[in-house]
Amino acid sequence: WQGKSESVLLRSGASVNGVSLDGHIPLHLAAQY
């Protein structure tokens, strides 16, 4: 959402397709903003 520090989380195995209650994956937020 903020366009920051995603690399640290990705290196730690964060799920890129994890879904929020609104159905957003992180790519939804990066694309919208």
PDB file of all heavy atoms in Angstrom:
ATOM      1  N   TRP A   1       0.840  -1.209   0.000  1.00  0.00           N
ATOM      2  CA  TRP A   1       0.000   0.000   0.000  1.00  0.00           C
ATOM      3  C   TRP A   1       0.874   1.259   0.000  1.00  0.00           C
ATOM      4  O   TRP A   1       0.623   2.209  -0.745  1.00  0.00           O
ATOM      5  CB  TRP A   1      -0.911  -0.047   1.224  1.00  0.00           C
ATOM      6  CG  TRP A   1      -1.778   1.148   1.443  1.00  0.00           C
ATOM      7  CD1 TRP A   1      -2.202   2.044   0.494  1.00  0.00           C
ATOM      8  CD2 TRP A   1      -2.354   1.562   2.678  1.00  0.00           C
ATOM      9  NE1 TRP A   1      -3.010   3.005   1.065  1.00  0.00           N
ATOM     10  CE2 TRP A   1      -3.118   2.728   2.412  1.00  0.00           C
ATOM     11  CE3 TRP A   1      -2.323   1.068   3.970  1.00  0.00           C
ATOM     12  CZ2 TRP A   1      -3.821   3.403   3.401  1.00  0.00           C
ATOM     13  CZ3 TRP A   1      -3.029   1.736   4.951  1.00  0.00           C
ATOM     14  CH2 TRP A   1      -3.766   2.891   4.668  1.00  0.00           C
ATOM     15  N   GLN A   2       1.908   1.260   0.812  1.00  0.00           N
ATOM     16  CA  GLN A   2       2.770   2.420   0.934  1.00  0.00           C
ATOM     17  C   GLN A   2       3.979   2.380  -0.001  1.00  0.00           C
ATOM     18  O   GLN A   2       4.690   3.374  -0.138  1.00  0.00           O
ATOM     19  CB  GLN A   2       3.250   2.544   2.376  1.00  0.00           C
ATOM     20  CG  GLN A   2       2.140   2.893   3.352  1.00  0.00           C
ATOM     21  CD  GLN A   2       1.531   4.250   3.060  1.00  0.00           C
ATOM     22  OE1 GLN A   2       2.241   5.231   2.898  1.00  0.00           O
ATOM     23  NE2 GLN A   2       0.207   4.315   2.993  1.00  0.00           N
ATOM     24  N   GLY A   3       4.209   1.245  -0.649  1.00  0.00           N
ATOM     25  CA  GLY A   3       5.350   1.137  -1.555  1.00  0.00           C
ATOM     26  C   GLY A   3       6.680   1.101  -0.842  1.00  0.00           C
ATOM     27  O   GLY A   3       7.661   1.661  -1.333  1.00  0.00           O
ATOM     28  N   LYS A   4       6.741   0.417   0.308  1.00  0.00           N
ATOM     29  CA  LYS A   4       7.959   0.453   1.133  1.00  0.00           C
ATOM     30  C   LYS A   4       8.322  -0.927   1.696  1.00  0.00           C
ATOM     31  O   LYS A   4       7.433  -1.693   2.066  1.00  0.00           O
ATOM     32  CB  LYS A   4       7.772   1.414   2.311  1.00  0.00           C
ATOM     33  CG  LYS A   4       7.512   2.860   1.901  1.00  0.00           C
ATOM     34  CD  LYS A   4       7.211   3.708   3.119  1.00  0.00           C
ATOM     35  CE  LYS A   4       6.972   5.158   2.728  1.00  0.00           C
ATOM     36  NZ  LYS A   4       6.610   6.015   3.881  1.00  0.00           N
ATOM     37  N   SER A   5       9.596  -1.191   1.742  1.00  0.00           N
ATOM     38  CA  SER A   5      10.184  -2.297   2.525  1.00  0.00           C
ATOM     39  C   SER A   5       9.607  -3.673   2.237  1.00  0.00           C
ATOM     40  O   SER A   5       9.655  -4.549   3.095  1.00  0.00           O
ATOM     41  CB  SER A   5      10.045  -2.017   4.037  1.00  0.00           C
ATOM     42  OG  SER A   5      10.690  -0.813   4.368  1.00  0.00           O
ATOM     43  N   GLU A   6       9.047  -3.880   1.048  1.00  0.00           N
ATOM     44  CA  GLU A   6       8.458  -5.185   0.767  1.00  0.00           C
ATOM     45  C   GLU A   6       9.521  -6.266   0.638  1.00  0.00           C
ATOM     46  O   GLU A   6       9.268  -7.445   0.901  1.00  0.00           O
ATOM     47  CB  GLU A   6       7.598  -5.120  -0.495  1.00  0.00           C
ATOM     48  CG  GLU A   6       8.352  -5.130  -1.827  1.00  0.00           C
ATOM     49  CD  GLU A   6       9.143  -3.866  -2.086  1.00  0.00           C
ATOM     50  OE1 GLU A   6       8.861  -2.831  -1.451  1.00  0.00           O
ATOM     51  OE2 GLU A   6      10.057  -3.919  -2.920  1.00  0.00           O
ATOM     52  N   SER A   7      10.754  -5.884   0.272  1.00  0.00           N
ATOM     53  CA  SER A   7      11.795  -6.884   0.032  1.00  0.00           C
ATOM     54  C   SER A   7      12.143  -7.659   1.296  1.00  0.00           C
ATOM     55  O   SER A   7      12.380  -8.875   1.249  1.00  0.00           O
ATOM     56  CB  SER A   7      13.044  -6.217  -0.552  1.00  0.00           C
ATOM     57  OG  SER A   7      13.518  -5.205   0.320  1.00  0.00           O
ATOM     58  N   VAL A   8      12.174  -6.990   2.448  1.00  0.00           N
ATOM     59  CA  VAL A   8      12.475  -7.659   3.718  1.00  0.00           C
ATOM     60  C   VAL A   8      11.434  -8.732   3.999  1.00  0.00           C
ATOM     61  O   VAL A   8      11.765  -9.857   4.408  1.00  0.00           O
ATOM     62  CB  VAL A   8      12.508  -6.637   4.869  1.00  0.00           C
ATOM     63  CG1 VAL A   8      12.743  -7.343   6.208  1.00  0.00           C
ATOM     64  CG2 VAL A   8      13.560  -5.581   4.622  1.00  0.00           C
ATOM     65  N   LEU A   9      10.179  -8.415   3.772  1.00  0.00           N
ATOM     66  CA  LEU A   9       9.089  -9.358   4.033  1.00  0.00           C
ATOM     67  C   LEU A   9       9.122 -10.514   3.042  1.00  0.00           C
ATOM     68  O   LEU A   9       8.898 -11.670   3.417  1.00  0.00           O
ATOM     69  CB  LEU A   9       7.751  -8.627   3.962  1.00  0.00           C
ATOM     70  CG  LEU A   9       7.538  -7.553   5.033  1.00  0.00           C
ATOM     71  CD1 LEU A   9       6.348  -6.671   4.696  1.00  0.00           C
ATOM     72  CD2 LEU A   9       7.336  -8.208   6.401  1.00  0.00           C
ATOM     73  N   LEU A  10       9.400 -10.216   1.791  1.00  0.00           N
ATOM     74  CA  LEU A  10       9.448 -11.270   0.779  1.00  0.00           C
ATOM     75  C   LEU A  10      10.592 -12.239   1.053  1.00  0.00           C
ATOM     76  O   LEU A  10      10.443 -13.457   0.888  1.00  0.00           O
ATOM     77  CB  LEU A  10       9.582 -10.651  -0.611  1.00  0.00           C
ATOM     78  CG  LEU A  10       8.339  -9.902  -1.118  1.00  0.00           C
ATOM     79  CD1 LEU A  10       8.648  -9.148  -2.408  1.00  0.00           C
ATOM     80  CD2 LEU A  10       7.178 -10.867  -1.326  1.00  0.00           C
ATOM     81  N   ARG A  11      11.732 -11.720   1.479  1.00  0.00           N
ATOM     82  CA  ARG A  11      12.862 -12.598   1.810  1.00  0.00           C
ATOM     83  C   ARG A  11      12.533 -13.501   2.996  1.00  0.00           C
ATOM     84  O   ARG A  11      13.098 -14.586   3.138  1.00  0.00           O
ATOM     85  CB  ARG A  11      14.109 -11.774   2.126  1.00  0.00           C
ATOM     86  CG  ARG A  11      14.757 -11.142   0.909  1.00  0.00           C
ATOM     87  CD  ARG A  11      16.188 -10.709   1.212  1.00  0.00           C
ATOM     88  NE  ARG A  11      16.257  -9.749   2.319  1.00  0.00           N
ATOM     89  CZ  ARG A  11      16.202  -8.434   2.147  1.00  0.00           C
ATOM     90  NH1 ARG A  11      16.061  -7.914   0.935  1.00  0.00           N
ATOM     91  NH2 ARG A  11      16.294  -7.629   3.203  1.00  0.00           N
ATOM     92  N   SER A  12      11.597 -13.042   3.819  1.00  0.00           N
ATOM     93  CA  SER A  12      11.205 -13.831   4.994  1.00  0.00           C
ATOM     94  C   SER A  12      10.034 -14.762   4.706  1.00  0.00           C
ATOM     95  O   SER A  12       9.492 -15.382   5.617  1.00  0.00           O
ATOM     96  CB  SER A  12      10.852 -12.895   6.153  1.00  0.00           C
ATOM     97  OG  SER A  12      11.974 -12.107   6.517  1.00  0.00           O
ATOM     98  N   GLY A  13       9.641 -14.837   3.444  1.00  0.00           N
ATOM     99  CA  GLY A  13       8.611 -15.800   3.050  1.00  0.00           C
ATOM    100  C   GLY A  13       7.185 -15.304   3.132  1.00  0.00           C
ATOM    101  O   GLY A  13       6.247 -16.117   3.185  1.00  0.00           O
ATOM    102  N   ALA A  14       6.962 -13.991   3.119  1.00  0.00           N
ATOM    103  CA  ALA A  14       5.595 -13.467   3.159  1.00  0.00           C
ATOM    104  C   ALA A  14       4.805 -13.946   1.944  1.00  0.00           C
ATOM    105  O   ALA A  14       5.343 -14.038   0.829  1.00  0.00           O
ATOM    106  CB  ALA A  14       5.618 -11.936   3.190  1.00  0.00           C
ATOM    107  N   SER A  15       3.552 -14.266   2.153  1.00  0.00           N
ATOM    108  CA  SER A  15       2.696 -14.761   1.074  1.00  0.00           C
ATOM    109  C   SER A  15       2.278 -13.620   0.148  1.00  0.00           C
ATOM    110  O   SER A  15       1.630 -12.669   0.591  1.00  0.00           O
ATOM    111  CB  SER A  15       1.448 -15.428   1.659  1.00  0.00           C
ATOM    112  OG  SER A  15       0.536 -15.762   0.622  1.00  0.00           O
ATOM    113  N   VAL A  16       2.630 -13.728  -1.128  1.00  0.00           N
ATOM    114  CA  VAL A  16       2.277 -12.662  -2.070  1.00  0.00           C
ATOM    115  C   VAL A  16       0.813 -12.715  -2.478  1.00  0.00           C
ATOM    116  O   VAL A  16       0.268 -11.736  -3.000  1.00  0.00           O
ATOM    117  CB  VAL A  16       3.167 -12.709  -3.334  1.00  0.00           C
ATOM    118  CG1 VAL A  16       4.604 -12.417  -2.989  1.00  0.00           C
ATOM    119  CG2 VAL A  16       3.033 -14.058  -4.035  1.00  0.00           C
ATOM    120  N   ASN A  17       0.173 -13.857  -2.242  1.00  0.00           N
ATOM    121  CA  ASN A  17      -1.234 -13.989  -2.626  1.00  0.00           C
ATOM    122  C   ASN A  17      -2.157 -14.136  -1.415  1.00  0.00           C
ATOM    123  O   ASN A  17      -3.287 -14.604  -1.533  1.00  0.00           O
ATOM    124  CB  ASN A  17      -1.423 -15.182  -3.576  1.00  0.00           C
ATOM    125  CG  ASN A  17      -0.774 -14.933  -4.931  1.00  0.00           C
ATOM    126  OD1 ASN A  17      -0.902 -13.855  -5.497  1.00  0.00           O
ATOM    127  ND2 ASN A  17      -0.056 -15.930  -5.440  1.00  0.00           N
ATOM    128  N   GLY A  18      -1.677 -13.714  -0.250  1.00  0.00           N
ATOM    129  CA  GLY A  18      -2.533 -13.706   0.931  1.00  0.00           C
ATOM    130  C   GLY A  18      -3.663 -12.708   0.760  1.00  0.00           C
ATOM    131  O   GLY A  18      -3.466 -11.600   0.266  1.00  0.00           O
ATOM    132  N   VAL A  19      -4.870 -13.088   1.160  1.00  0.00           N
ATOM    133  CA  VAL A  19      -6.076 -12.302   0.886  1.00  0.00           C
ATOM    134  C   VAL A  19      -6.602 -11.644   2.156  1.00  0.00           C
ATOM    135  O   VAL A  19      -6.752 -12.299   3.191  1.00  0.00           O
ATOM    136  CB  VAL A  19      -7.179 -13.194   0.271  1.00  0.00           C
ATOM    137  CG1 VAL A  19      -8.426 -12.375  -0.035  1.00  0.00           C
ATOM    138  CG2 VAL A  19      -6.675 -13.868  -0.999  1.00  0.00           C
ATOM    139  N   SER A  20      -6.899 -10.351   2.079  1.00  0.00           N
ATOM    140  CA  SER A  20      -7.520  -9.636   3.196  1.00  0.00           C
ATOM    141  C   SER A  20      -9.024  -9.890   3.196  1.00  0.00           C
ATOM    142  O   SER A  20      -9.564 -10.540   2.288  1.00  0.00           O
ATOM    143  CB  SER A  20      -7.251  -8.133   3.069  1.00  0.00           C
ATOM    144  OG  SER A  20      -8.019  -7.596   1.994  1.00  0.00           O
ATOM    145  N   LEU A  21      -9.717  -9.353   4.176  1.00  0.00           N
ATOM    146  CA  LEU A  21     -11.173  -9.532   4.236  1.00  0.00           C
ATOM    147  C   LEU A  21     -11.870  -8.888   3.050  1.00  0.00           C
ATOM    148  O   LEU A  21     -12.962  -9.309   2.657  1.00  0.00           O
ATOM    149  CB  LEU A  21     -11.718  -8.937   5.543  1.00  0.00           C
ATOM    150  CG  LEU A  21     -11.270  -9.620   6.845  1.00  0.00           C
ATOM    151  CD1 LEU A  21     -11.973  -8.982   8.036  1.00  0.00           C
ATOM    152  CD2 LEU A  21     -11.524 -11.124   6.802  1.00  0.00           C
ATOM    153  N   ASP A  22     -11.274  -7.859   2.452  1.00  0.00           N
ATOM    154  CA  ASP A  22     -11.827  -7.229   1.250  1.00  0.00           C
ATOM    155  C   ASP A  22     -11.442  -7.959  -0.027  1.00  0.00           C
ATOM    156  O   ASP A  22     -11.803  -7.521  -1.122  1.00  0.00           O
ATOM    157  CB  ASP A  22     -11.353  -5.770   1.150  1.00  0.00           C
ATOM    158  CG  ASP A  22     -12.009  -4.877   2.187  1.00  0.00           C
ATOM    159  OD1 ASP A  22     -13.153  -5.183   2.583  1.00  0.00           O
ATOM    160  OD2 ASP A  22     -11.387  -3.886   2.601  1.00  0.00           O
ATOM    161  N   GLY A  23     -10.699  -9.038   0.123  1.00  0.00           N
ATOM    162  CA  GLY A  23     -10.287  -9.805  -1.042  1.00  0.00           C
ATOM    163  C   GLY A  23      -9.048  -9.285  -1.727  1.00  0.00           C
ATOM    164  O   GLY A  23      -8.693  -9.743  -2.815  1.00  0.00           O
ATOM    165  N   HIS A  24      -8.356  -8.330  -1.091  1.00  0.00           N
ATOM    166  CA  HIS A  24      -7.151  -7.768  -1.686  1.00  0.00           C
ATOM    167  C   HIS A  24      -5.947  -8.666  -1.441  1.00  0.00           C
ATOM    168  O   HIS A  24      -5.729  -9.122  -0.314  1.00  0.00           O
ATOM    169  CB  HIS A  24      -6.832  -6.391  -1.098  1.00  0.00           C
ATOM    170  CG  HIS A  24      -7.833  -5.342  -1.447  1.00  0.00           C
ATOM    171  ND1 HIS A  24      -8.384  -4.489  -0.521  1.00  0.00           N
ATOM    172  CD2 HIS A  24      -8.388  -4.996  -2.643  1.00  0.00           C
ATOM    173  CE1 HIS A  24      -9.238  -3.663  -1.112  1.00  0.00           C
ATOM    174  NE2 HIS A  24      -9.261  -3.958  -2.390  1.00  0.00           N
ATOM    175  N   ILE A  25      -5.161  -8.872  -2.493  1.00  0.00           N
ATOM    176  CA  ILE A  25      -3.810  -9.364  -2.300  1.00  0.00           C
ATOM    177  C   ILE A  25      -2.903  -8.130  -2.342  1.00  0.00           C
ATOM    178  O   ILE A  25      -3.340  -7.057  -2.779  1.00  0.00           O
ATOM    179  CB  ILE A  25      -3.417 -10.397  -3.376  1.00  0.00           C
ATOM    180  CG1 ILE A  25      -3.454  -9.772  -4.782  1.00  0.00           C
ATOM    181  CG2 ILE A  25      -4.305 -11.623  -3.292  1.00  0.00           C
ATOM    182  CD1 ILE A  25      -2.906 -10.685  -5.865  1.00  0.00           C
ATOM    183  N   PRO A  26      -1.669  -8.230  -1.906  1.00  0.00           N
ATOM    184  CA  PRO A  26      -0.803  -7.044  -1.917  1.00  0.00           C
ATOM    185  C   PRO A  26      -0.712  -6.365  -3.281  1.00  0.00           C
ATOM    186  O   PRO A  26      -0.620  -5.135  -3.362  1.00  0.00           O
ATOM    187  CB  PRO A  26       0.544  -7.609  -1.466  1.00  0.00           C
ATOM    188  CG  PRO A  26       0.174  -8.735  -0.549  1.00  0.00           C
ATOM    189  CD  PRO A  26      -1.027  -9.364  -1.183  1.00  0.00           C
ATOM    190  N   LEU A  27      -0.778  -7.139  -4.364  1.00  0.00           N
ATOM    191  CA  LEU A  27      -0.674  -6.562  -5.707  1.00  0.00           C
ATOM    192  C   LEU A  27      -1.852  -5.632  -6.012  1.00  0.00           C
ATOM    193  O   LEU A  27      -1.692  -4.655  -6.748  1.00  0.00           O
ATOM    194  CB  LEU A  27      -0.576  -7.672  -6.755  1.00  0.00           C
ATOM    195  CG  LEU A  27      -0.294  -7.232  -8.191  1.00  0.00           C
ATOM    196  CD1 LEU A  27       1.006  -6.431  -8.277  1.00  0.00           C
ATOM    197  CD2 LEU A  27      -0.245  -8.450  -9.117  1.00  0.00           C
ATOM    198  N   HIS A  28      -3.022  -5.916  -5.488  1.00  0.00           N
ATOM    199  CA  HIS A  28      -4.157  -4.995  -5.648  1.00  0.00           C
ATOM    200  C   HIS A  28      -3.783  -3.601  -5.137  1.00  0.00           C
ATOM    201  O   HIS A  28      -4.035  -2.581  -5.804  1.00  0.00           O
ATOM    202  CB  HIS A  28      -5.376  -5.482  -4.858  1.00  0.00           C
ATOM    203  CG  HIS A  28      -6.199  -6.526  -5.548  1.00  0.00           C
ATOM    204  ND1 HIS A  28      -6.165  -7.844  -5.182  1.00  0.00           N
ATOM    205  CD2 HIS A  28      -7.097  -6.433  -6.575  1.00  0.00           C
ATOM    206  CE1 HIS A  28      -7.002  -8.536  -5.939  1.00  0.00           C
ATOM    207  NE2 HIS A  28      -7.579  -7.699  -6.793  1.00  0.00           N
ATOM    208  N   LEU A  29      -3.186  -3.564  -3.956  1.00  0.00           N
ATOM    209  CA  LEU A  29      -2.880  -2.279  -3.324  1.00  0.00           C
ATOM    210  C   LEU A  29      -1.723  -1.573  -4.032  1.00  0.00           C
ATOM    211  O   LEU A  29      -1.764  -0.359  -4.238  1.00  0.00           O
ATOM    212  CB  LEU A  29      -2.555  -2.503  -1.853  1.00  0.00           C
ATOM    213  CG  LEU A  29      -3.715  -3.102  -1.041  1.00  0.00           C
ATOM    214  CD1 LEU A  29      -3.253  -3.512   0.344  1.00  0.00           C
ATOM    215  CD2 LEU A  29      -4.869  -2.119  -0.942  1.00  0.00           C
ATOM    216  N   ALA A  30      -0.703  -2.330  -4.411  1.00  0.00           N
ATOM    217  CA  ALA A  30       0.420  -1.728  -5.128  1.00  0.00           C
ATOM    218  C   ALA A  30      -0.044  -1.159  -6.466  1.00  0.00           C
ATOM    219  O   ALA A  30       0.381  -0.072  -6.880  1.00  0.00           O
ATOM    220  CB  ALA A  30       1.516  -2.776  -5.347  1.00  0.00           C
ATOM    221  N   ALA A  31      -0.938  -1.876  -7.135  1.00  0.00           N
ATOM    222  CA  ALA A  31      -1.442  -1.412  -8.442  1.00  0.00           C
ATOM    223  C   ALA A  31      -2.323  -0.181  -8.290  1.00  0.00           C
ATOM    224  O   ALA A  31      -2.199   0.788  -9.048  1.00  0.00           O
ATOM    225  CB  ALA A  31      -2.215  -2.542  -9.125  1.00  0.00           C
ATOM    226  N   GLN A  32      -3.226  -0.203  -7.313  1.00  0.00           N
ATOM    227  CA  GLN A  32      -4.135   0.933  -7.128  1.00  0.00           C
ATOM    228  C   GLN A  32      -3.375   2.220  -6.830  1.00  0.00           C
ATOM    229  O   GLN A  32      -3.755   3.296  -7.319  1.00  0.00           O
ATOM    230  CB  GLN A  32      -5.115   0.628  -5.998  1.00  0.00           C
ATOM    231  CG  GLN A  32      -6.063   1.797  -5.707  1.00  0.00           C
ATOM    232  CD  GLN A  32      -7.135   1.437  -4.700  1.00  0.00           C
ATOM    233  OE1 GLN A  32      -7.462   0.269  -4.519  1.00  0.00           O
ATOM    234  NE2 GLN A  32      -7.694   2.445  -4.038  1.00  0.00           N
ATOM    235  N   TYR A  33      -2.320   2.109  -6.053  1.00  0.00           N
ATOM    236  CA  TYR A  33      -1.580   3.311  -5.651  1.00  0.00           C
ATOM    237  C   TYR A  33      -0.361   3.595  -6.532  1.00  0.00           C
ATOM    238  O   TYR A  33       0.425   4.492  -6.236  1.00  0.00           O
ATOM    239  CB  TYR A  33      -1.214   3.212  -4.169  1.00  0.00           C
ATOM    240  CG  TYR A  33      -2.442   3.314  -3.297  1.00  0.00           C
ATOM    241  CD1 TYR A  33      -3.101   2.178  -2.854  1.00  0.00           C
ATOM    242  CD2 TYR A  33      -2.990   4.558  -2.976  1.00  0.00           C
ATOM    243  CE1 TYR A  33      -4.257   2.265  -2.088  1.00  0.00           C
ATOM    244  CE2 TYR A  33      -4.144   4.659  -2.212  1.00  0.00           C
ATOM    245  CZ  TYR A  33      -4.773   3.511  -1.769  1.00  0.00           C
ATOM    246  OH  TYR A  33      -5.922   3.609  -1.026  1.00  0.00           O
TER     247      TYR A  33
END
